[in-house]
PDB file of N, CA and C in Angstrom:
ATOM      1  N   VAL A   1     -32.883 -11.387  20.012  1.00  0.00           N
ATOM      2  CA  VAL A   1     -31.316 -12.071  19.443  1.00  0.00           C
ATOM      3  C   VAL A   1     -30.366 -11.998  20.296  1.00  0.00           C
ATOM      4  N   SER A   2     -29.579 -12.969  20.524  1.00  0.00           N
ATOM      5  CA  SER A   2     -28.333 -13.021  21.235  1.00  0.00           C
ATOM      6  C   SER A   2     -27.416 -13.403  20.750  1.00  0.00           C
ATOM      7  N   LEU A   3     -26.177 -12.736  20.705  1.00  0.00           N
ATOM      8  CA  LEU A   3     -24.773 -12.794  19.877  1.00  0.00           C
ATOM      9  C   LEU A   3     -23.898 -12.942  20.806  1.00  0.00           C
ATOM     10  N   SER A   4     -22.904 -14.011  20.498  1.00  0.00           N
ATOM     11  CA  SER A   4     -21.503 -14.260  21.358  1.00  0.00           C
ATOM     12  C   SER A   4     -20.631 -14.218  20.281  1.00  0.00           C
ATOM     13  N   ILE A   5     -19.600 -13.524  20.726  1.00  0.00           N
ATOM     14  CA  ILE A   5     -18.358 -13.435  19.812  1.00  0.00           C
ATOM     15  C   ILE A   5     -17.186 -13.564  20.793  1.00  0.00           C
ATOM     16  N   LYS A   6     -16.473 -14.563  20.243  1.00  0.00           N
ATOM     17  CA  LYS A   6     -15.187 -14.831  20.885  1.00  0.00           C
ATOM     18  C   LYS A   6     -13.713 -14.040  20.130  1.00  0.00           C
ATOM     19  N   LEU A   7     -13.230 -13.515  20.682  1.00  0.00           N
ATOM     20  CA  LEU A   7     -11.859 -13.051  20.126  1.00  0.00           C
ATOM     21  C   LEU A   7     -10.323 -13.494  20.533  1.00  0.00           C
ATOM     22  N   GLY A   8      -9.934 -13.965  19.535  1.00  0.00           N
ATOM     23  CA  GLY A   8      -8.390 -14.279  19.803  1.00  0.00           C
ATOM     24  C   GLY A   8      -7.452 -13.131  20.121  1.00  0.00           C
ATOM     25  N   ASP A   9      -6.253 -13.316  20.864  1.00  0.00           N
ATOM     26  CA  ASP A   9      -5.552 -12.625  21.049  1.00  0.00           C
ATOM     27  C   ASP A   9      -4.690 -12.001  19.661  1.00  0.00           C
ATOM     28  N   ALA A  10      -4.352 -10.853  19.480  1.00  0.00           N
ATOM     29  CA  ALA A  10      -3.643 -10.474  18.127  1.00  0.00           C
ATOM     30  C   ALA A  10      -2.116 -10.874  18.517  1.00  0.00           C
ATOM     31  N   ASP A  11      -1.542 -11.235  17.135  1.00  0.00           N
ATOM     32  CA  ASP A  11      -0.189 -11.559  17.052  1.00  0.00           C
ATOM     33  C   ASP A  11      -0.132 -11.197  15.716  1.00  0.00           C
ATOM     34  N   VAL A  12       1.453 -10.831  15.558  1.00  0.00           N
ATOM     35  CA  VAL A  12       2.285 -10.445  14.481  1.00  0.00           C
ATOM     36  C   VAL A  12       3.166 -11.116  13.945  1.00  0.00           C
ATOM     37  N   ARG A  13       3.339 -11.208  12.535  1.00  0.00           N
ATOM     38  CA  ARG A  13       4.176 -12.130  11.722  1.00  0.00           C
ATOM     39  C   ARG A  13       4.624 -11.275  10.585  1.00  0.00           C
ATOM     40  N   THR A  14       5.799 -11.332   9.993  1.00  0.00           N
ATOM     41  CA  THR A  14       6.352 -10.580   8.930  1.00  0.00           C
ATOM     42  C   THR A  14       6.834 -11.516   7.851  1.00  0.00           C
ATOM     43  N   ILE A  15       6.381 -11.269   6.716  1.00  0.00           N
ATOM     44  CA  ILE A  15       6.720 -12.143   5.673  1.00  0.00           C
ATOM     45  C   ILE A  15       7.677 -11.043   4.682  1.00  0.00           C
ATOM     46  N   GLU A  16       9.071 -11.545   4.252  1.00  0.00           N
ATOM     47  CA  GLU A  16       9.684 -10.691   3.649  1.00  0.00           C
ATOM     48  C   GLU A  16       9.793 -11.040   2.175  1.00  0.00           C
ATOM     49  N   ASN A  17      10.545 -10.425   1.307  1.00  0.00           N
ATOM     50  CA  ASN A  17      10.851 -10.564   0.161  1.00  0.00           C
ATOM     51  C   ASN A  17      10.031 -10.903  -0.939  1.00  0.00           C
ATOM     52  N   LEU A  18       8.730 -10.252  -0.690  1.00  0.00           N
ATOM     53  CA  LEU A  18       7.490 -10.520  -1.655  1.00  0.00           C
ATOM     54  C   LEU A  18       7.769  -9.614  -2.956  1.00  0.00           C
ATOM     55  N   PRO A  19       7.844 -10.291  -4.092  1.00  0.00           N
ATOM     56  CA  PRO A  19       7.748  -9.460  -5.520  1.00  0.00           C
ATOM     57  C   PRO A  19       6.668  -8.419  -5.692  1.00  0.00           C
ATOM     58  N   ILE A  20       6.991  -7.214  -6.165  1.00  0.00           N
ATOM     59  CA  ILE A  20       6.367  -6.562  -6.259  1.00  0.00           C
ATOM     60  C   ILE A  20       5.707  -6.171  -7.691  1.00  0.00           C
ATOM     61  N   ASP A  21       4.506  -6.413  -7.930  1.00  0.00           N
ATOM     62  CA  ASP A  21       3.958  -6.682  -9.531  1.00  0.00           C
ATOM     63  C   ASP A  21       3.322  -5.397 -10.022  1.00  0.00           C
ATOM     64  N   TYR A  22       2.552  -5.088 -10.942  1.00  0.00           N
ATOM     65  CA  TYR A  22       1.951  -4.029 -11.791  1.00  0.00           C
ATOM     66  C   TYR A  22       0.922  -4.490 -12.414  1.00  0.00           C
ATOM     67  N   ARG A  23      -0.062  -3.397 -12.104  1.00  0.00           N
ATOM     68  CA  ARG A  23      -1.527  -3.870 -12.838  1.00  0.00           C
ATOM     69  C   ARG A  23      -1.928  -2.545 -14.042  1.00  0.00           C
ATOM     70  N   ASN A  24      -3.161  -2.676 -14.562  1.00  0.00           N
ATOM     71  CA  ASN A  24      -3.425  -1.646 -15.279  1.00  0.00           C
ATOM     72  C   ASN A  24      -2.572  -1.121 -15.906  1.00  0.00           C
ATOM     73  N   ASN A  25      -1.602  -1.522 -16.709  1.00  0.00           N
ATOM     74  CA  ASN A  25      -0.696  -1.125 -18.043  1.00  0.00           C
ATOM     75  C   ASN A  25      -1.171  -0.883 -19.030  1.00  0.00           C
ATOM     76  N   ASN A  26      -2.378  -0.092 -19.461  1.00  0.00           N
ATOM     77  CA  ASN A  26      -3.187   0.152 -20.586  1.00  0.00           C
ATOM     78  C   ASN A  26      -2.495   0.875 -21.596  1.00  0.00           C
ATOM     79  N   ASN A  27      -1.713   1.761 -21.117  1.00  0.00           N
ATOM     80  CA  ASN A  27      -0.446   2.590 -22.360  1.00  0.00           C
ATOM     81  C   ASN A  27       0.540   1.414 -22.774  1.00  0.00           C
ATOM     82  N   GLY A  28       0.645   0.550 -22.284  1.00  0.00           N
ATOM     83  CA  GLY A  28       2.074  -0.553 -22.600  1.00  0.00           C
ATOM     84  C   GLY A  28       3.184   0.329 -22.361  1.00  0.00           C
ATOM     85  N   TYR A  29       3.144   1.202 -21.162  1.00  0.00           N
ATOM     86  CA  TYR A  29       4.511   1.608 -20.894  1.00  0.00           C
ATOM     87  C   TYR A  29       5.529   0.849 -20.500  1.00  0.00           C
ATOM     88  N   ASN A  30       6.597   1.124 -20.482  1.00  0.00           N
ATOM     89  CA  ASN A  30       7.882   0.316 -19.852  1.00  0.00           C
ATOM     90  C   ASN A  30       8.317   0.986 -18.407  1.00  0.00           C
ATOM     91  N   PHE A  31       8.638   0.509 -17.414  1.00  0.00           N
ATOM     92  CA  PHE A  31       9.212   0.974 -16.440  1.00  0.00           C
ATOM     93  C   PHE A  31      10.088   0.417 -15.923  1.00  0.00           C
ATOM     94  N   THR A  32      11.491   1.318 -15.304  1.00  0.00           N
ATOM     95  CA  THR A  32      12.211   0.616 -14.285  1.00  0.00           C
ATOM     96  C   THR A  32      12.198   1.288 -12.957  1.00  0.00           C
ATOM     97  N   LEU A  33      12.661   0.383 -11.806  1.00  0.00           N
ATOM     98  CA  LEU A  33      12.592   0.989 -10.734  1.00  0.00           C
ATOM     99  C   LEU A  33      14.216   1.629 -10.519  1.00  0.00           C
ATOM    100  N   LEU A  34      13.957   3.041 -10.060  1.00  0.00           N
ATOM    101  CA  LEU A  34      15.160   3.689  -9.964  1.00  0.00           C
ATOM    102  C   LEU A  34      16.140   3.115  -8.831  1.00  0.00           C
ATOM    103  N   ASP A  35      15.549   1.988  -8.079  1.00  0.00           N
ATOM    104  CA  ASP A  35      16.378   1.542  -7.044  1.00  0.00           C
ATOM    105  C   ASP A  35      16.141  -0.008  -7.024  1.00  0.00           C
ATOM    106  N   PRO A  36      16.862  -1.181  -7.982  1.00  0.00           N
ATOM    107  CA  PRO A  36      16.206  -2.319  -8.295  1.00  0.00           C
ATOM    108  C   PRO A  36      16.034  -2.947  -6.977  1.00  0.00           C
ATOM    109  N   THR A  37      16.986  -2.797  -5.343  1.00  0.00           N
ATOM    110  CA  THR A  37      16.822  -3.581  -4.539  1.00  0.00           C
ATOM    111  C   THR A  37      15.277  -3.286  -3.939  1.00  0.00           C
ATOM    112  N   GLU A  38      14.352  -2.222  -4.498  1.00  0.00           N
ATOM    113  CA  GLU A  38      12.931  -2.334  -4.397  1.00  0.00           C
ATOM    114  C   GLU A  38      12.189  -2.857  -4.799  1.00  0.00           C
ATOM    115  N   ALA A  39      12.639  -4.212  -5.620  1.00  0.00           N
ATOM    116  CA  ALA A  39      11.579  -5.155  -6.360  1.00  0.00           C
ATOM    117  C   ALA A  39      10.950  -5.818  -5.267  1.00  0.00           C
ATOM    118  N   TYR A  40      11.382  -5.772  -4.196  1.00  0.00           N
ATOM    119  CA  TYR A  40      10.737  -6.986  -3.302  1.00  0.00           C
ATOM    120  C   TYR A  40      10.228  -5.742  -2.199  1.00  0.00           C
ATOM    121  N   ALA A  41       9.250  -6.458  -1.375  1.00  0.00           N
ATOM    122  CA  ALA A  41       8.879  -5.736  -0.119  1.00  0.00           C
ATOM    123  C   ALA A  41       8.733  -6.663   1.135  1.00  0.00           C
ATOM    124  N   THR A  42       8.494  -6.032   2.207  1.00  0.00           N
ATOM    125  CA  THR A  42       8.227  -6.800   3.423  1.00  0.00           C
ATOM    126  C   THR A  42       6.760  -6.435   3.807  1.00  0.00           C
ATOM    127  N   VAL A  43       5.964  -7.247   4.376  1.00  0.00           N
ATOM    128  CA  VAL A  43       4.721  -7.302   4.692  1.00  0.00           C
ATOM    129  C   VAL A  43       4.770  -7.660   6.213  1.00  0.00           C
ATOM    130  N   THR A  44       3.549  -6.901   7.060  1.00  0.00           N
ATOM    131  CA  THR A  44       3.472  -7.226   8.076  1.00  0.00           C
ATOM    132  C   THR A  44       2.227  -7.601   8.484  1.00  0.00           C
ATOM    133  N   LEU A  45       1.841  -9.140   9.163  1.00  0.00           N
ATOM    134  CA  LEU A  45       0.407  -9.522   9.221  1.00  0.00           C
ATOM    135  C   LEU A  45      -0.018  -9.300  10.771  1.00  0.00           C
ATOM    136  N   LEU A  46      -1.090  -8.755  10.874  1.00  0.00           N
ATOM    137  CA  LEU A  46      -1.634  -8.628  12.213  1.00  0.00           C
ATOM    138  C   LEU A  46      -3.099  -9.428  12.147  1.00  0.00           C
ATOM    139  N   GLY A  47      -3.317 -10.459  13.048  1.00  0.00           N
ATOM    140  CA  GLY A  47      -4.497 -11.134  13.420  1.00  0.00           C
ATOM    141  C   GLY A  47      -3.933 -12.166  14.346  1.00  0.00           C
ATOM    142  N   THR A  48      -5.192 -13.385  14.492  1.00  0.00           N
ATOM    143  CA  THR A  48      -4.901 -14.070  15.613  1.00  0.00           C
ATOM    144  C   THR A  48      -3.656 -15.107  14.892  1.00  0.00           C
ATOM    145  N   ARG A  49      -3.119 -15.743  15.885  1.00  0.00           N
ATOM    146  CA  ARG A  49      -2.094 -16.698  15.693  1.00  0.00           C
ATOM    147  C   ARG A  49      -2.573 -17.739  14.417  1.00  0.00           C
ATOM    148  N   THR A  50      -3.765 -18.480  14.638  1.00  0.00           N
ATOM    149  CA  THR A  50      -4.473 -19.198  13.735  1.00  0.00           C
ATOM    150  C   THR A  50      -4.279 -18.842  12.188  1.00  0.00           C
ATOM    151  N   ASN A  51      -4.778 -17.324  12.170  1.00  0.00           N
ATOM    152  CA  ASN A  51      -4.924 -16.573  10.922  1.00  0.00           C
ATOM    153  C   ASN A  51      -3.927 -16.245  10.248  1.00  0.00           C
ATOM    154  N   ILE A  52      -3.008 -15.743  11.045  1.00  0.00           N
ATOM    155  CA  ILE A  52      -1.756 -15.309  10.264  1.00  0.00           C
ATOM    156  C   ILE A  52      -0.894 -16.576   9.708  1.00  0.00           C
ATOM    157  N   ASP A  53      -0.772 -17.499  10.401  1.00  0.00           N
ATOM    158  CA  ASP A  53       0.065 -18.921  10.255  1.00  0.00           C
ATOM    159  C   ASP A  53      -0.739 -19.320   8.822  1.00  0.00           C
ATOM    160  N   ALA A  54      -2.014 -19.282   8.708  1.00  0.00           N
ATOM    161  CA  ALA A  54      -2.424 -20.085   7.524  1.00  0.00           C
ATOM    162  C   ALA A  54      -2.315 -18.950   6.251  1.00  0.00           C
ATOM    163  N   VAL A  55      -1.499 -17.947   6.504  1.00  0.00           N
ATOM    164  CA  VAL A  55      -1.203 -16.771   5.073  1.00  0.00           C
ATOM    165  C   VAL A  55      -0.013 -17.351   4.848  1.00  0.00           C
ATOM    166  N   THR A  56       0.059 -17.541   3.313  1.00  0.00           N
ATOM    167  CA  THR A  56       1.341 -18.114   2.638  1.00  0.00           C
ATOM    168  C   THR A  56       1.638 -16.669   1.490  1.00  0.00           C
ATOM    169  N   PRO A  57       2.957 -16.722   1.472  1.00  0.00           N
ATOM    170  CA  PRO A  57       3.006 -15.706   0.297  1.00  0.00           C
ATOM    171  C   PRO A  57       2.496 -15.677  -0.802  1.00  0.00           C
ATOM    172  N   ASP A  58       1.879 -17.005  -1.561  1.00  0.00           N
ATOM    173  CA  ASP A  58       0.906 -16.649  -2.488  1.00  0.00           C
ATOM    174  C   ASP A  58      -0.403 -16.246  -2.227  1.00  0.00           C
ATOM    175  N   ASP A  59      -0.674 -15.986  -1.026  1.00  0.00           N
ATOM    176  CA  ASP A  59      -2.330 -15.143  -0.594  1.00  0.00           C
ATOM    177  C   ASP A  59      -1.847 -13.783  -0.426  1.00  0.00           C
ATOM    178  N   ILE A  60      -0.813 -13.268  -0.841  1.00  0.00           N
ATOM    179  CA  ILE A  60      -0.429 -11.517  -0.986  1.00  0.00           C
ATOM    180  C   ILE A  60       0.027 -11.270  -1.988  1.00  0.00           C
ATOM    181  N   SER A  61      -0.801  -9.949  -2.825  1.00  0.00           N
ATOM    182  CA  SER A  61      -0.330  -9.273  -3.672  1.00  0.00           C
ATOM    183  C   SER A  61       0.115  -8.292  -3.237  1.00  0.00           C
ATOM    184  N   ILE A  62       1.200  -7.588  -3.799  1.00  0.00           N
ATOM    185  CA  ILE A  62       1.774  -6.383  -3.802  1.00  0.00           C
ATOM    186  C   ILE A  62       2.235  -5.725  -5.285  1.00  0.00           C
ATOM    187  N   TYR A  63       1.417  -4.726  -5.522  1.00  0.00           N
ATOM    188  CA  TYR A  63       1.483  -4.000  -6.784  1.00  0.00           C
ATOM    189  C   TYR A  63       1.431  -2.396  -6.596  1.00  0.00           C
ATOM    190  N   ILE A  64       1.824  -2.026  -7.834  1.00  0.00           N
ATOM    191  CA  ILE A  64       1.514  -0.658  -8.260  1.00  0.00           C
ATOM    192  C   ILE A  64       0.631  -0.250  -9.438  1.00  0.00           C
ATOM    193  N   ASP A  65       0.040   0.509  -9.486  1.00  0.00           N
ATOM    194  CA  ASP A  65      -1.196   0.971 -10.410  1.00  0.00           C
ATOM    195  C   ASP A  65      -0.657   1.690 -11.584  1.00  0.00           C
ATOM    196  N   LEU A  66      -0.419   1.336 -12.481  1.00  0.00           N
ATOM    197  CA  LEU A  66      -0.120   1.943 -13.625  1.00  0.00           C
ATOM    198  C   LEU A  66      -1.356   2.580 -14.434  1.00  0.00           C
ATOM    199  N   LYS A  67      -2.654   2.841 -13.923  1.00  0.00           N
ATOM    200  CA  LYS A  67      -3.741   3.204 -14.901  1.00  0.00           C
ATOM    201  C   LYS A  67      -3.364   5.029 -14.970  1.00  0.00           C
ATOM    202  N   ASP A  68      -3.425   5.499 -14.399  1.00  0.00           N
ATOM    203  CA  ASP A  68      -3.244   6.981 -14.515  1.00  0.00           C
ATOM    204  C   ASP A  68      -1.689   7.333 -14.731  1.00  0.00           C
ATOM    205  N   ILE A  69      -0.688   6.726 -15.121  1.00  0.00           N
ATOM    206  CA  ILE A  69       0.902   7.061 -14.878  1.00  0.00           C
ATOM    207  C   ILE A  69       1.338   7.716 -16.046  1.00  0.00           C
ATOM    208  N   LYS A  70       2.218   8.716 -15.885  1.00  0.00           N
ATOM    209  CA  LYS A  70       2.838   9.557 -16.768  1.00  0.00           C
ATOM    210  C   LYS A  70       4.247   9.144 -17.030  1.00  0.00           C
ATOM    211  N   LEU A  71       4.585   9.717 -18.221  1.00  0.00           N
ATOM    212  CA  LEU A  71       5.884   9.393 -18.474  1.00  0.00           C
ATOM    213  C   LEU A  71       7.145  10.087 -17.415  1.00  0.00           C
ATOM    214  N   GLY A  72       7.987   9.475 -17.299  1.00  0.00           N
ATOM    215  CA  GLY A  72       9.371  10.120 -16.583  1.00  0.00           C
ATOM    216  C   GLY A  72       9.430   9.602 -15.121  1.00  0.00           C
ATOM    217  N   LYS A  73      10.179  10.203 -14.466  1.00  0.00           N
ATOM    218  CA  LYS A  73      10.773   9.946 -13.170  1.00  0.00           C
ATOM    219  C   LYS A  73       9.456  10.273 -12.150  1.00  0.00           C
ATOM    220  N   GLN A  74       8.936   9.211 -11.015  1.00  0.00           N
ATOM    221  CA  GLN A  74       7.962   9.576 -10.191  1.00  0.00           C
ATOM    222  C   GLN A  74       8.165   8.763  -8.933  1.00  0.00           C
ATOM    223  N   THR A  75       7.255   9.012  -8.306  1.00  0.00           N
ATOM    224  CA  THR A  75       6.936   7.975  -6.972  1.00  0.00           C
ATOM    225  C   THR A  75       5.739   7.741  -7.190  1.00  0.00           C
ATOM    226  N   VAL A  76       5.499   6.388  -6.933  1.00  0.00           N
ATOM    227  CA  VAL A  76       4.228   5.513  -6.802  1.00  0.00           C
ATOM    228  C   VAL A  76       3.694   4.980  -5.613  1.00  0.00           C
ATOM    229  N   ASN A  77       2.382   4.853  -5.279  1.00  0.00           N
ATOM    230  CA  ASN A  77       2.257   4.051  -4.235  1.00  0.00           C
ATOM    231  C   ASN A  77       2.128   2.636  -4.300  1.00  0.00           C
ATOM    232  N   LEU A  78       2.360   1.738  -3.525  1.00  0.00           N
ATOM    233  CA  LEU A  78       2.467   0.595  -3.288  1.00  0.00           C
ATOM    234  C   LEU A  78       1.126  -0.036  -2.791  1.00  0.00           C
ATOM    235  N   TYR A  79       0.429  -0.907  -3.429  1.00  0.00           N
ATOM    236  CA  TYR A  79      -0.815  -1.371  -2.718  1.00  0.00           C
ATOM    237  C   TYR A  79      -0.746  -2.714  -2.372  1.00  0.00           C
ATOM    238  N   ILE A  80      -1.733  -3.098  -1.838  1.00  0.00           N
ATOM    239  CA  ILE A  80      -1.483  -4.695  -1.112  1.00  0.00           C
ATOM    240  C   ILE A  80      -2.960  -5.470  -0.938  1.00  0.00           C
ATOM    241  N   PHE A  81      -2.770  -6.382  -1.531  1.00  0.00           N
ATOM    242  CA  PHE A  81      -4.198  -7.327  -1.185  1.00  0.00           C
ATOM    243  C   PHE A  81      -3.894  -8.694  -0.773  1.00  0.00           C
ATOM    244  N   GLY A  82      -4.636  -9.085   0.179  1.00  0.00           N
ATOM    245  CA  GLY A  82      -4.516 -10.153   0.834  1.00  0.00           C
ATOM    246  C   GLY A  82      -5.591 -11.178   1.100  1.00  0.00           C
ATOM    247  N   THR A  83      -5.936 -12.183   0.834  1.00  0.00           N
ATOM    248  CA  THR A  83      -7.052 -13.124   0.722  1.00  0.00           C
ATOM    249  C   THR A  83      -7.690 -13.470   1.890  1.00  0.00           C
ATOM    250  N   ASN A  84      -7.521 -13.288   3.109  1.00  0.00           N
ATOM    251  CA  ASN A  84      -8.040 -13.386   4.448  1.00  0.00           C
ATOM    252  C   ASN A  84      -8.326 -12.099   4.844  1.00  0.00           C
ATOM    253  N   ASN A  85      -9.727 -11.938   5.033  1.00  0.00           N
ATOM    254  CA  ASN A  85     -10.026 -10.591   5.353  1.00  0.00           C
ATOM    255  C   ASN A  85      -9.891 -10.519   6.998  1.00  0.00           C
ATOM    256  N   LEU A  86      -9.432 -11.631   7.637  1.00  0.00           N
ATOM    257  CA  LEU A  86      -9.516 -11.670   8.898  1.00  0.00           C
ATOM    258  C   LEU A  86      -8.085 -11.311   9.536  1.00  0.00           C
ATOM    259  N   VAL A  87      -7.318 -10.751   8.330  1.00  0.00           N
ATOM    260  CA  VAL A  87      -5.666 -10.499   8.739  1.00  0.00           C
ATOM    261  C   VAL A  87      -5.465  -8.997   8.346  1.00  0.00           C
ATOM    262  N   ARG A  88      -4.959  -8.307   9.194  1.00  0.00           N
ATOM    263  CA  ARG A  88      -4.486  -6.922   8.336  1.00  0.00           C
ATOM    264  C   ARG A  88      -3.098  -7.076   7.848  1.00  0.00           C
ATOM    265  N   TYR A  89      -3.127  -6.535   6.592  1.00  0.00           N
ATOM    266  CA  TYR A  89      -1.763  -6.287   6.072  1.00  0.00           C
ATOM    267  C   TYR A  89      -1.178  -4.912   5.953  1.00  0.00           C
ATOM    268  N   THR A  90       0.339  -4.799   6.086  1.00  0.00           N
ATOM    269  CA  THR A  90       0.892  -3.569   6.409  1.00  0.00           C
ATOM    270  C   THR A  90       2.182  -3.571   5.489  1.00  0.00           C
ATOM    271  N   ILE A  91       2.118  -2.690   4.517  1.00  0.00           N
ATOM    272  CA  ILE A  91       3.462  -2.874   3.502  1.00  0.00           C
ATOM    273  C   ILE A  91       4.399  -1.757   4.504  1.00  0.00           C
ATOM    274  N   GLN A  92       5.686  -2.475   4.879  1.00  0.00           N
ATOM    275  CA  GLN A  92       6.685  -1.328   5.487  1.00  0.00           C
ATOM    276  C   GLN A  92       7.111  -0.112   4.709  1.00  0.00           C
ATOM    277  N   LYS A  93       7.199  -0.390   3.442  1.00  0.00           N
ATOM    278  CA  LYS A  93       7.602   0.848   2.770  1.00  0.00           C
ATOM    279  C   LYS A  93       6.062   1.178   1.635  1.00  0.00           C
ATOM    280  N   GLN A  94       5.730   2.361   1.628  1.00  0.00           N
ATOM    281  CA  GLN A  94       4.477   2.504   1.088  1.00  0.00           C
ATOM    282  C   GLN A  94       4.779   3.237  -0.480  1.00  0.00           C
ATOM    283  N   THR A  95       5.748   3.500  -0.516  1.00  0.00           N
ATOM    284  CA  THR A  95       5.886   4.014  -2.043  1.00  0.00           C
ATOM    285  C   THR A  95       7.163   3.304  -2.849  1.00  0.00           C
ATOM    286  N   ILE A  96       7.599   3.527  -4.119  1.00  0.00           N
ATOM    287  CA  ILE A  96       8.682   3.185  -4.780  1.00  0.00           C
ATOM    288  C   ILE A  96       9.156   4.340  -5.947  1.00  0.00           C
ATOM    289  N   ASP A  97      10.175   4.412  -6.119  1.00  0.00           N
ATOM    290  CA  ASP A  97      10.068   5.260  -7.499  1.00  0.00           C
ATOM    291  C   ASP A  97      10.942   4.418  -8.507  1.00  0.00           C
ATOM    292  N   ILE A  98       9.988   5.016  -9.621  1.00  0.00           N
ATOM    293  CA  ILE A  98      10.006   4.470 -11.041  1.00  0.00           C
ATOM    294  C   ILE A  98      10.577   5.392 -12.010  1.00  0.00           C
ATOM    295  N   ASN A  99      10.919   5.013 -13.093  1.00  0.00           N
ATOM    296  CA  ASN A  99      10.971   5.917 -14.537  1.00  0.00           C
ATOM    297  C   ASN A  99      10.253   5.046 -15.387  1.00  0.00           C
ATOM    298  N   VAL A 100       9.430   5.709 -16.091  1.00  0.00           N
ATOM    299  CA  VAL A 100       8.194   5.521 -17.299  1.00  0.00           C
ATOM    300  C   VAL A 100       8.412   5.959 -18.452  1.00  0.00           C
ATOM    301  N   THR A 101       8.677   4.854 -19.396  1.00  0.00           N
ATOM    302  CA  THR A 101       9.093   5.359 -20.827  1.00  0.00           C
ATOM    303  C   THR A 101       8.023   4.368 -21.845  1.00  0.00           C
ATOM    304  N   LYS A 102       8.202   4.830 -23.109  1.00  0.00           N
ATOM    305  CA  LYS A 102       7.230   4.373 -24.086  1.00  0.00           C
ATOM    306  C   LYS A 102       8.029   3.028 -24.580  1.00  0.00           C
TER     307      LYS A 102
END
């Protein structure tokens, strides 16, 4: 078996002002951002020029996971999902501070 792989040069692209969403709010809690300017995030894409140019903001989801969240002020991780597996997605800010209430 012979396998030939052609790799393209890596390139970088930045997409700004992507909204941060939430998932798994099973307890129906309310939450607010301690810093309202953190409602949006910046993502850096790494991949071939063709692949990163094909990515649109709708292809990227940034969210906080409220599954095991507790009441009160806390720092939570940001997670990212992108639809193109040939692109690496990196969030510039990894966490945000929130206040969780009933």
